[in-house]
């Protein structure tokens, strides 16, 4: 019965993923959006933008492919997220200016 098996166990090789150049990887849009919303959260003081930046930063961290380049962008995005939260929740209020 074993002689009728068409598969060759000696020809089986373990799978090795192909090597890809880091410059050939598709761009990471979630890290770009994290930086964009992080800057909007800091500069324009939008709480919603800071929360979106945190979500996109976590998504970028979870889908990281090239650790050397992507980690730099994730750290920069996380810096903007932290600055946005500190500015929005612990900074001076946005009540406006009073003259007089």
PDB file of N, CA and C in Angstrom:
ATOM      1  N   UNK A   1       0.818  -1.196   0.000  1.00  0.00           N
ATOM      2  CA  UNK A   1       0.000   0.000   0.000  1.00  0.00           C
ATOM      3  C   UNK A   1       0.861   1.259   0.000  1.00  0.00           C
ATOM      4  N   UNK A   2       1.993   1.203   0.670  1.00  0.00           N
ATOM      5  CA  UNK A   2       2.876   2.361   0.739  1.00  0.00           C
ATOM      6  C   UNK A   2       3.535   2.646  -0.600  1.00  0.00           C
ATOM      7  N   UNK A   3       3.683   1.628  -1.443  1.00  0.00           N
ATOM      8  CA  UNK A   3       4.330   1.836  -2.738  1.00  0.00           C
ATOM      9  C   UNK A   3       3.414   2.571  -3.716  1.00  0.00           C
ATOM     10  N   UNK A   4       2.104   2.608  -3.472  1.00  0.00           N
ATOM     11  CA  UNK A   4       1.187   3.306  -4.358  1.00  0.00           C
ATOM     12  C   UNK A   4       1.021   4.784  -3.999  1.00  0.00           C
ATOM     13  N   UNK A   5       1.652   5.236  -2.924  1.00  0.00           N
ATOM     14  CA  UNK A   5       1.566   6.647  -2.499  1.00  0.00           C
ATOM     15  C   UNK A   5       2.444   7.497  -3.423  1.00  0.00           C
ATOM     16  N   UNK A   6       1.870   8.480  -4.159  1.00  0.00           N
ATOM     17  CA  UNK A   6       2.664   9.260  -5.115  1.00  0.00           C
ATOM     18  C   UNK A   6       3.576  10.308  -4.449  1.00  0.00           C
ATOM     19  N   UNK A   7       3.349  10.594  -3.193  1.00  0.00           N
ATOM     20  CA  UNK A   7       4.166  11.617  -2.543  1.00  0.00           C
ATOM     21  C   UNK A   7       5.526  11.048  -2.147  1.00  0.00           C
ATOM     22  N   UNK A   8       6.522  11.916  -2.191  1.00  0.00           N
ATOM     23  CA  UNK A   8       7.865  11.513  -1.797  1.00  0.00           C
ATOM     24  C   UNK A   8       8.230  12.221  -0.491  1.00  0.00           C
ATOM     25  N   UNK A   9       8.256  11.517   0.617  1.00  0.00           N
ATOM     26  CA  UNK A   9       8.615  12.186   1.873  1.00  0.00           C
ATOM     27  C   UNK A   9      10.035  12.727   1.867  1.00  0.00           C
ATOM     28  N   UNK A  10      10.914  12.136   1.100  1.00  0.00           N
ATOM     29  CA  UNK A  10      12.291  12.622   1.069  1.00  0.00           C
ATOM     30  C   UNK A  10      12.414  13.930   0.294  1.00  0.00           C
ATOM     31  N   UNK A  11      11.431  14.240  -0.574  1.00  0.00           N
ATOM     32  CA  UNK A  11      11.475  15.482  -1.351  1.00  0.00           C
ATOM     33  C   UNK A  11      10.823  16.645  -0.626  1.00  0.00           C
ATOM     34  N   UNK A  12      10.194  16.411   0.503  1.00  0.00           N
ATOM     35  CA  UNK A  12       9.516  17.488   1.241  1.00  0.00           C
ATOM     36  C   UNK A  12      10.554  18.396   1.901  1.00  0.00           C
ATOM     37  N   UNK A  13      10.342  19.693   1.743  1.00  0.00           N
ATOM     38  CA  UNK A  13      11.231  20.685   2.347  1.00  0.00           C
ATOM     39  C   UNK A  13      10.388  21.635   3.192  1.00  0.00           C
ATOM     40  N   UNK A  14      10.910  22.145   4.303  1.00  0.00           N
ATOM     41  CA  UNK A  14      10.152  23.113   5.103  1.00  0.00           C
ATOM     42  C   UNK A  14      10.002  24.427   4.346  1.00  0.00           C
ATOM     43  N   UNK A  15       8.884  25.101   4.621  1.00  0.00           N
ATOM     44  CA  UNK A  15       8.600  26.372   3.940  1.00  0.00           C
ATOM     45  C   UNK A  15       9.482  27.475   4.503  1.00  0.00           C
ATOM     46  N   UNK A  16      10.080  28.234   3.609  1.00  0.00           N
ATOM     47  CA  UNK A  16      10.836  29.421   3.984  1.00  0.00           C
ATOM     48  C   UNK A  16      10.269  30.593   3.198  1.00  0.00           C
ATOM     49  N   UNK A  17       9.811  31.637   3.900  1.00  0.00           N
ATOM     50  CA  UNK A  17       9.254  32.778   3.160  1.00  0.00           C
ATOM     51  C   UNK A  17      10.348  33.458   2.337  1.00  0.00           C
ATOM     52  N   UNK A  18       9.977  34.015   1.187  1.00  0.00           N
ATOM     53  CA  UNK A  18      10.982  34.674   0.341  1.00  0.00           C
ATOM     54  C   UNK A  18      11.495  35.947   1.014  1.00  0.00           C
ATOM     55  N   UNK A  19      12.764  36.231   0.776  1.00  0.00           N
ATOM     56  CA  UNK A  19      13.350  37.458   1.316  1.00  0.00           C
ATOM     57  C   UNK A  19      12.914  38.639   0.459  1.00  0.00           C
ATOM     58  N   UNK A  20      12.449  39.705   1.135  1.00  0.00           N
ATOM     59  CA  UNK A  20      11.961  40.892   0.446  1.00  0.00           C
ATOM     60  C   UNK A  20      12.782  42.082   0.917  1.00  0.00           C
ATOM     61  N   UNK A  21      13.199  42.890  -0.012  1.00  0.00           N
ATOM     62  CA  UNK A  21      13.942  44.102   0.304  1.00  0.00           C
ATOM     63  C   UNK A  21      13.019  45.085   1.033  1.00  0.00           C
ATOM     64  N   UNK A  22      13.455  45.732   2.126  1.00  0.00           N
ATOM     65  CA  UNK A  22      12.565  46.664   2.847  1.00  0.00           C
ATOM     66  C   UNK A  22      12.058  47.819   1.989  1.00  0.00           C
ATOM     67  N   UNK A  23      12.808  48.206   0.956  1.00  0.00           N
ATOM     68  CA  UNK A  23      12.340  49.287   0.080  1.00  0.00           C
ATOM     69  C   UNK A  23      11.213  48.826  -0.835  1.00  0.00           C
ATOM     70  N   UNK A  24      11.074  47.511  -1.018  1.00  0.00           N
ATOM     71  CA  UNK A  24      10.019  46.986  -1.883  1.00  0.00           C
ATOM     72  C   UNK A  24       8.709  46.743  -1.157  1.00  0.00           C
ATOM     73  N   UNK A  25       8.681  46.918   0.169  1.00  0.00           N
ATOM     74  CA  UNK A  25       7.450  46.704   0.925  1.00  0.00           C
ATOM     75  C   UNK A  25       6.455  47.827   0.641  1.00  0.00           C
ATOM     76  N   UNK A  26       5.171  47.539   0.679  1.00  0.00           N
ATOM     77  CA  UNK A  26       4.181  48.612   0.481  1.00  0.00           C
ATOM     78  C   UNK A  26       4.225  49.583   1.654  1.00  0.00           C
ATOM     79  N   UNK A  27       3.832  50.831   1.426  1.00  0.00           N
ATOM     80  CA  UNK A  27       3.891  51.826   2.516  1.00  0.00           C
ATOM     81  C   UNK A  27       2.903  51.485   3.623  1.00  0.00           C
ATOM     82  N   UNK A  28       3.262  51.888   4.830  1.00  0.00           N
ATOM     83  CA  UNK A  28       2.421  51.639   5.995  1.00  0.00           C
ATOM     84  C   UNK A  28       1.541  52.868   6.219  1.00  0.00           C
ATOM     85  N   UNK A  29       0.322  52.794   5.711  1.00  0.00           N
ATOM     86  CA  UNK A  29      -0.578  53.943   5.797  1.00  0.00           C
ATOM     87  C   UNK A  29      -1.058  54.197   7.222  1.00  0.00           C
ATOM     88  N   UNK A  30      -1.120  53.167   8.035  1.00  0.00           N
ATOM     89  CA  UNK A  30      -1.606  53.373   9.400  1.00  0.00           C
ATOM     90  C   UNK A  30      -0.626  54.194  10.221  1.00  0.00           C
ATOM     91  N   UNK A  31       0.679  54.033  10.004  1.00  0.00           N
ATOM     92  CA  UNK A  31       1.630  54.870  10.740  1.00  0.00           C
ATOM     93  C   UNK A  31       1.593  56.307  10.232  1.00  0.00           C
ATOM     94  N   UNK A  32       1.388  56.491   8.924  1.00  0.00           N
ATOM     95  CA  UNK A  32       1.253  57.847   8.387  1.00  0.00           C
ATOM     96  C   UNK A  32       0.008  58.531   8.956  1.00  0.00           C
ATOM     97  N   UNK A  33      -1.099  57.808   9.022  1.00  0.00           N
ATOM     98  CA  UNK A  33      -2.322  58.386   9.586  1.00  0.00           C
ATOM     99  C   UNK A  33      -2.178  58.647  11.079  1.00  0.00           C
ATOM    100  N   UNK A  34      -1.418  57.807  11.777  1.00  0.00           N
ATOM    101  CA  UNK A  34      -1.177  58.033  13.203  1.00  0.00           C
ATOM    102  C   UNK A  34      -0.406  59.327  13.414  1.00  0.00           C
ATOM    103  N   UNK A  35       0.595  59.569  12.590  1.00  0.00           N
ATOM    104  CA  UNK A  35       1.359  60.818  12.706  1.00  0.00           C
ATOM    105  C   UNK A  35       0.487  62.006  12.329  1.00  0.00           C
ATOM    106  N   UNK A  36      -0.300  61.853  11.273  1.00  0.00           N
ATOM    107  CA  UNK A  36      -1.160  62.948  10.818  1.00  0.00           C
ATOM    108  C   UNK A  36      -2.194  63.326  11.878  1.00  0.00           C
ATOM    109  N   UNK A  37      -2.885  62.341  12.446  1.00  0.00           N
ATOM    110  CA  UNK A  37      -3.873  62.625  13.483  1.00  0.00           C
ATOM    111  C   UNK A  37      -3.203  63.076  14.779  1.00  0.00           C
ATOM    112  N   UNK A  38      -1.996  62.579  15.051  1.00  0.00           N
ATOM    113  CA  UNK A  38      -1.270  63.025  16.235  1.00  0.00           C
ATOM    114  C   UNK A  38      -0.908  64.496  16.160  1.00  0.00           C
ATOM    115  N   UNK A  39      -0.465  64.936  15.000  1.00  0.00           N
ATOM    116  CA  UNK A  39      -0.148  66.359  14.811  1.00  0.00           C
ATOM    117  C   UNK A  39      -1.419  67.197  14.914  1.00  0.00           C
ATOM    118  N   UNK A  40      -2.514  66.715  14.340  1.00  0.00           N
ATOM    119  CA  UNK A  40      -3.779  67.446  14.444  1.00  0.00           C
ATOM    120  C   UNK A  40      -4.249  67.517  15.890  1.00  0.00           C
ATOM    121  N   UNK A  41      -4.022  66.458  16.652  1.00  0.00           N
ATOM    122  CA  UNK A  41      -4.416  66.467  18.060  1.00  0.00           C
ATOM    123  C   UNK A  41      -3.604  67.450  18.877  1.00  0.00           C
ATOM    124  N   UNK A  42      -2.315  67.583  18.554  1.00  0.00           N
ATOM    125  CA  UNK A  42      -1.457  68.513  19.302  1.00  0.00           C
ATOM    126  C   UNK A  42      -1.694  69.942  18.857  1.00  0.00           C
ATOM    127  N   UNK A  43      -1.655  70.177  17.555  1.00  0.00           N
ATOM    128  CA  UNK A  43      -1.710  71.555  17.049  1.00  0.00           C
ATOM    129  C   UNK A  43      -3.114  72.155  17.121  1.00  0.00           C
ATOM    130  N   UNK A  44      -4.120  71.371  16.777  1.00  0.00           N
ATOM    131  CA  UNK A  44      -5.482  71.894  16.740  1.00  0.00           C
ATOM    132  C   UNK A  44      -6.276  71.559  17.993  1.00  0.00           C
ATOM    133  N   UNK A  45      -5.662  70.758  18.877  1.00  0.00           N
ATOM    134  CA  UNK A  45      -6.249  70.366  20.151  1.00  0.00           C
ATOM    135  C   UNK A  45      -7.585  69.639  19.964  1.00  0.00           C
ATOM    136  N   UNK A  46      -7.590  68.693  19.048  1.00  0.00           N
ATOM    137  CA  UNK A  46      -8.759  67.849  18.834  1.00  0.00           C
ATOM    138  C   UNK A  46      -8.565  66.553  19.606  1.00  0.00           C
ATOM    139  N   UNK A  47      -9.437  66.301  20.568  1.00  0.00           N
ATOM    140  CA  UNK A  47      -9.335  65.065  21.344  1.00  0.00           C
ATOM    141  C   UNK A  47      -9.607  63.850  20.470  1.00  0.00           C
ATOM    142  N   UNK A  48     -10.556  63.984  19.565  1.00  0.00           N
ATOM    143  CA  UNK A  48     -10.907  62.871  18.684  1.00  0.00           C
ATOM    144  C   UNK A  48      -9.720  62.479  17.802  1.00  0.00           C
ATOM    145  N   UNK A  49      -8.964  63.475  17.334  1.00  0.00           N
ATOM    146  CA  UNK A  49      -7.791  63.190  16.508  1.00  0.00           C
ATOM    147  C   UNK A  49      -6.723  62.472  17.319  1.00  0.00           C
ATOM    148  N   UNK A  50      -6.581  62.826  18.591  1.00  0.00           N
ATOM    149  CA  UNK A  50      -5.598  62.139  19.437  1.00  0.00           C
ATOM    150  C   UNK A  50      -5.991  60.683  19.664  1.00  0.00           C
ATOM    151  N   UNK A  51      -7.281  60.428  19.854  1.00  0.00           N
ATOM    152  CA  UNK A  51      -7.729  59.041  20.033  1.00  0.00           C
ATOM    153  C   UNK A  51      -7.564  58.239  18.747  1.00  0.00           C
ATOM    154  N   UNK A  52      -7.858  58.865  17.598  1.00  0.00           N
ATOM    155  CA  UNK A  52      -7.640  58.167  16.326  1.00  0.00           C
ATOM    156  C   UNK A  52      -6.157  57.879  16.109  1.00  0.00           C
ATOM    157  N   UNK A  53      -5.297  58.815  16.508  1.00  0.00           N
ATOM    158  CA  UNK A  53      -3.858  58.594  16.384  1.00  0.00           C
ATOM    159  C   UNK A  53      -3.416  57.413  17.240  1.00  0.00           C
ATOM    160  N   UNK A  54      -3.992  57.270  18.421  1.00  0.00           N
ATOM    161  CA  UNK A  54      -3.654  56.140  19.276  1.00  0.00           C
ATOM    162  C   UNK A  54      -4.093  54.817  18.639  1.00  0.00           C
ATOM    163  N   UNK A  55      -5.269  54.802  18.034  1.00  0.00           N
ATOM    164  CA  UNK A  55      -5.769  53.587  17.384  1.00  0.00           C
ATOM    165  C   UNK A  55      -4.895  53.211  16.189  1.00  0.00           C
ATOM    166  N   UNK A  56      -4.558  54.193  15.344  1.00  0.00           N
ATOM    167  CA  UNK A  56      -3.721  53.915  14.183  1.00  0.00           C
ATOM    168  C   UNK A  56      -2.301  53.541  14.596  1.00  0.00           C
ATOM    169  N   UNK A  57      -1.825  54.100  15.691  1.00  0.00           N
ATOM    170  CA  UNK A  57      -0.498  53.747  16.188  1.00  0.00           C
ATOM    171  C   UNK A  57      -0.467  52.296  16.659  1.00  0.00           C
ATOM    172  N   UNK A  58      -1.516  51.871  17.345  1.00  0.00           N
ATOM    173  CA  UNK A  58      -1.594  50.474  17.781  1.00  0.00           C
ATOM    174  C   UNK A  58      -1.704  49.538  16.580  1.00  0.00           C
ATOM    175  N   UNK A  59      -2.460  49.934  15.570  1.00  0.00           N
ATOM    176  CA  UNK A  59      -2.585  49.120  14.362  1.00  0.00           C
ATOM    177  C   UNK A  59      -1.247  49.021  13.640  1.00  0.00           C
ATOM    178  N   UNK A  60      -0.520  50.106  13.561  1.00  0.00           N
ATOM    179  CA  UNK A  60       0.779  50.087  12.917  1.00  0.00           C
ATOM    180  C   UNK A  60       1.773  49.236  13.692  1.00  0.00           C
ATOM    181  N   UNK A  61       1.690  49.283  15.011  1.00  0.00           N
ATOM    182  CA  UNK A  61       2.567  48.467  15.845  1.00  0.00           C
ATOM    183  C   UNK A  61       2.257  46.979  15.673  1.00  0.00           C
ATOM    184  N   UNK A  62       0.987  46.652  15.524  1.00  0.00           N
ATOM    185  CA  UNK A  62       0.599  45.250  15.355  1.00  0.00           C
ATOM    186  C   UNK A  62       0.979  44.707  13.979  1.00  0.00           C
ATOM    187  N   UNK A  63       0.997  45.550  12.959  1.00  0.00           N
ATOM    188  CA  UNK A  63       1.288  45.112  11.595  1.00  0.00           C
ATOM    189  C   UNK A  63       2.701  45.464  11.144  1.00  0.00           C
ATOM    190  N   UNK A  64       3.611  45.643  12.074  1.00  0.00           N
ATOM    191  CA  UNK A  64       4.964  46.074  11.743  1.00  0.00           C
ATOM    192  C   UNK A  64       5.693  44.994  10.947  1.00  0.00           C
ATOM    193  N   UNK A  65       6.318  45.384   9.835  1.00  0.00           N
ATOM    194  CA  UNK A  65       7.057  44.442   8.999  1.00  0.00           C
ATOM    195  C   UNK A  65       8.559  44.662   9.113  1.00  0.00           C
ATOM    196  N   UNK A  66       8.995  45.873   8.868  1.00  0.00           N
ATOM    197  CA  UNK A  66      10.415  46.203   8.935  1.00  0.00           C
ATOM    198  C   UNK A  66      10.659  46.922  10.258  1.00  0.00           C
ATOM    199  N   UNK A  67      11.240  46.216  11.216  1.00  0.00           N
ATOM    200  CA  UNK A  67      11.313  46.738  12.577  1.00  0.00           C
ATOM    201  C   UNK A  67      12.175  47.985  12.687  1.00  0.00           C
ATOM    202  N   UNK A  68      13.217  48.097  11.890  1.00  0.00           N
ATOM    203  CA  UNK A  68      14.112  49.243  12.034  1.00  0.00           C
ATOM    204  C   UNK A  68      13.446  50.544  11.604  1.00  0.00           C
ATOM    205  N   UNK A  69      12.818  50.547  10.432  1.00  0.00           N
ATOM    206  CA  UNK A  69      12.205  51.773   9.921  1.00  0.00           C
ATOM    207  C   UNK A  69      10.832  52.026  10.545  1.00  0.00           C
ATOM    208  N   UNK A  70      10.033  50.986  10.689  1.00  0.00           N
ATOM    209  CA  UNK A  70       8.683  51.162  11.205  1.00  0.00           C
ATOM    210  C   UNK A  70       8.686  51.555  12.677  1.00  0.00           C
ATOM    211  N   UNK A  71       9.656  51.074  13.427  1.00  0.00           N
ATOM    212  CA  UNK A  71       9.700  51.419  14.848  1.00  0.00           C
ATOM    213  C   UNK A  71       9.953  52.907  15.049  1.00  0.00           C
ATOM    214  N   UNK A  72      10.736  53.507  14.171  1.00  0.00           N
ATOM    215  CA  UNK A  72      10.980  54.961  14.257  1.00  0.00           C
ATOM    216  C   UNK A  72       9.679  55.726  14.059  1.00  0.00           C
ATOM    217  N   UNK A  73       8.889  55.316  13.076  1.00  0.00           N
ATOM    218  CA  UNK A  73       7.622  56.006  12.819  1.00  0.00           C
ATOM    219  C   UNK A  73       6.623  55.771  13.946  1.00  0.00           C
ATOM    220  N   UNK A  74       6.591  54.568  14.494  1.00  0.00           N
ATOM    221  CA  UNK A  74       5.664  54.277  15.583  1.00  0.00           C
ATOM    222  C   UNK A  74       6.040  55.078  16.830  1.00  0.00           C
ATOM    223  N   UNK A  75       7.331  55.194  17.111  1.00  0.00           N
ATOM    224  CA  UNK A  75       7.768  55.983  18.272  1.00  0.00           C
ATOM    225  C   UNK A  75       7.428  57.454  18.068  1.00  0.00           C
ATOM    226  N   UNK A  76       7.623  57.972  16.865  1.00  0.00           N
ATOM    227  CA  UNK A  76       7.280  59.368  16.596  1.00  0.00           C
ATOM    228  C   UNK A  76       5.764  59.578  16.710  1.00  0.00           C
ATOM    229  N   UNK A  77       4.977  58.649  16.186  1.00  0.00           N
ATOM    230  CA  UNK A  77       3.525  58.766  16.286  1.00  0.00           C
ATOM    231  C   UNK A  77       3.075  58.680  17.737  1.00  0.00           C
ATOM    232  N   UNK A  78       3.681  57.792  18.513  1.00  0.00           N
ATOM    233  CA  UNK A  78       3.316  57.659  19.920  1.00  0.00           C
ATOM    234  C   UNK A  78       3.693  58.918  20.700  1.00  0.00           C
ATOM    235  N   UNK A  79       4.784  59.566  20.311  1.00  0.00           N
ATOM    236  CA  UNK A  79       5.158  60.832  20.943  1.00  0.00           C
ATOM    237  C   UNK A  79       4.091  61.889  20.702  1.00  0.00           C
ATOM    238  N   UNK A  80       3.583  61.972  19.473  1.00  0.00           N
ATOM    239  CA  UNK A  80       2.513  62.927  19.184  1.00  0.00           C
ATOM    240  C   UNK A  80       1.230  62.560  19.917  1.00  0.00           C
ATOM    241  N   UNK A  81       0.966  61.266  20.067  1.00  0.00           N
ATOM    242  CA  UNK A  81      -0.230  60.836  20.804  1.00  0.00           C
ATOM    243  C   UNK A  81      -0.139  61.287  22.263  1.00  0.00           C
ATOM    244  N   UNK A  82       1.010  61.044  22.882  1.00  0.00           N
ATOM    245  CA  UNK A  82       1.184  61.438  24.289  1.00  0.00           C
ATOM    246  C   UNK A  82       1.115  62.954  24.430  1.00  0.00           C
ATOM    247  N   UNK A  83       1.763  63.680  23.527  1.00  0.00           N
ATOM    248  CA  UNK A  83       1.701  65.150  23.593  1.00  0.00           C
ATOM    249  C   UNK A  83       0.273  65.639  23.401  1.00  0.00           C
ATOM    250  N   UNK A  84      -0.480  64.990  22.499  1.00  0.00           N
ATOM    251  CA  UNK A  84      -1.867  65.388  22.278  1.00  0.00           C
ATOM    252  C   UNK A  84      -2.728  65.148  23.500  1.00  0.00           C
ATOM    253  N   UNK A  85      -2.547  63.996  24.158  1.00  0.00           N
ATOM    254  CA  UNK A  85      -3.327  63.725  25.368  1.00  0.00           C
ATOM    255  C   UNK A  85      -2.959  64.684  26.492  1.00  0.00           C
ATOM    256  N   UNK A  86      -1.679  64.961  26.659  1.00  0.00           N
ATOM    257  CA  UNK A  86      -1.264  65.893  27.710  1.00  0.00           C
ATOM    258  C   UNK A  86      -1.807  67.281  27.420  1.00  0.00           C
ATOM    259  N   UNK A  87      -1.730  67.699  26.164  1.00  0.00           N
ATOM    260  CA  UNK A  87      -2.222  69.029  25.801  1.00  0.00           C
ATOM    261  C   UNK A  87      -3.736  69.128  25.965  1.00  0.00           C
ATOM    262  N   UNK A  88      -4.459  68.095  25.536  1.00  0.00           N
ATOM    263  CA  UNK A  88      -5.918  68.155  25.565  1.00  0.00           C
ATOM    264  C   UNK A  88      -6.511  67.955  26.946  1.00  0.00           C
ATOM    265  N   UNK A  89      -5.939  67.079  27.736  1.00  0.00           N
ATOM    266  CA  UNK A  89      -6.562  66.738  29.014  1.00  0.00           C
ATOM    267  C   UNK A  89      -5.922  67.417  30.226  1.00  0.00           C
ATOM    268  N   UNK A  90      -4.646  67.784  30.131  1.00  0.00           N
ATOM    269  CA  UNK A  90      -3.982  68.385  31.278  1.00  0.00           C
ATOM    270  C   UNK A  90      -3.514  69.807  31.022  1.00  0.00           C
ATOM    271  N   UNK A  91      -3.680  70.316  29.816  1.00  0.00           N
ATOM    272  CA  UNK A  91      -3.234  71.658  29.474  1.00  0.00           C
ATOM    273  C   UNK A  91      -4.250  72.700  29.880  1.00  0.00           C
ATOM    274  N   UNK A  92      -3.961  73.959  29.541  1.00  0.00           N
ATOM    275  CA  UNK A  92      -4.920  75.026  29.851  1.00  0.00           C
ATOM    276  C   UNK A  92      -6.221  74.852  29.056  1.00  0.00           C
ATOM    277  N   UNK A  93      -7.288  75.378  29.595  1.00  0.00           N
ATOM    278  CA  UNK A  93      -8.600  75.204  28.944  1.00  0.00           C
ATOM    279  C   UNK A  93      -8.682  76.036  27.668  1.00  0.00           C
ATOM    280  N   UNK A  94      -9.623  75.669  26.797  1.00  0.00           N
ATOM    281  CA  UNK A  94      -9.823  76.362  25.524  1.00  0.00           C
ATOM    282  C   UNK A  94     -10.999  77.329  25.597  1.00  0.00           C
ATOM    283  N   UNK A  95     -11.198  77.958  26.713  1.00  0.00           N
ATOM    284  CA  UNK A  95     -12.396  78.784  26.873  1.00  0.00           C
ATOM    285  C   UNK A  95     -12.357  80.052  26.038  1.00  0.00           C
ATOM    286  N   UNK A  96     -11.241  80.449  25.514  1.00  0.00           N
ATOM    287  CA  UNK A  96     -11.150  81.639  24.688  1.00  0.00           C
ATOM    288  C   UNK A  96     -10.497  82.783  25.444  1.00  0.00           C
ATOM    289  N   UNK A  97     -10.353  83.872  24.724  1.00  0.00           N
ATOM    290  CA  UNK A  97      -9.710  85.037  25.319  1.00  0.00           C
ATOM    291  C   UNK A  97     -10.743  86.002  25.845  1.00  0.00           C
ATOM    292  N   UNK A  98     -10.425  86.638  26.941  1.00  0.00           N
ATOM    293  CA  UNK A  98     -11.300  87.676  27.490  1.00  0.00           C
ATOM    294  C   UNK A  98     -10.552  88.999  27.440  1.00  0.00           C
ATOM    295  N   UNK A  99     -11.222  89.974  26.977  1.00  0.00           N
ATOM    296  CA  UNK A  99     -10.594  91.298  26.954  1.00  0.00           C
ATOM    297  C   UNK A  99     -11.122  92.111  28.133  1.00  0.00           C
ATOM    298  N   UNK A 100     -10.255  92.843  28.698  1.00  0.00           N
ATOM    299  CA  UNK A 100     -10.765  93.688  29.750  1.00  0.00           C
ATOM    300  C   UNK A 100      -9.909  93.793  30.858  1.00  0.00           C
TER     301      UNK A 100
END
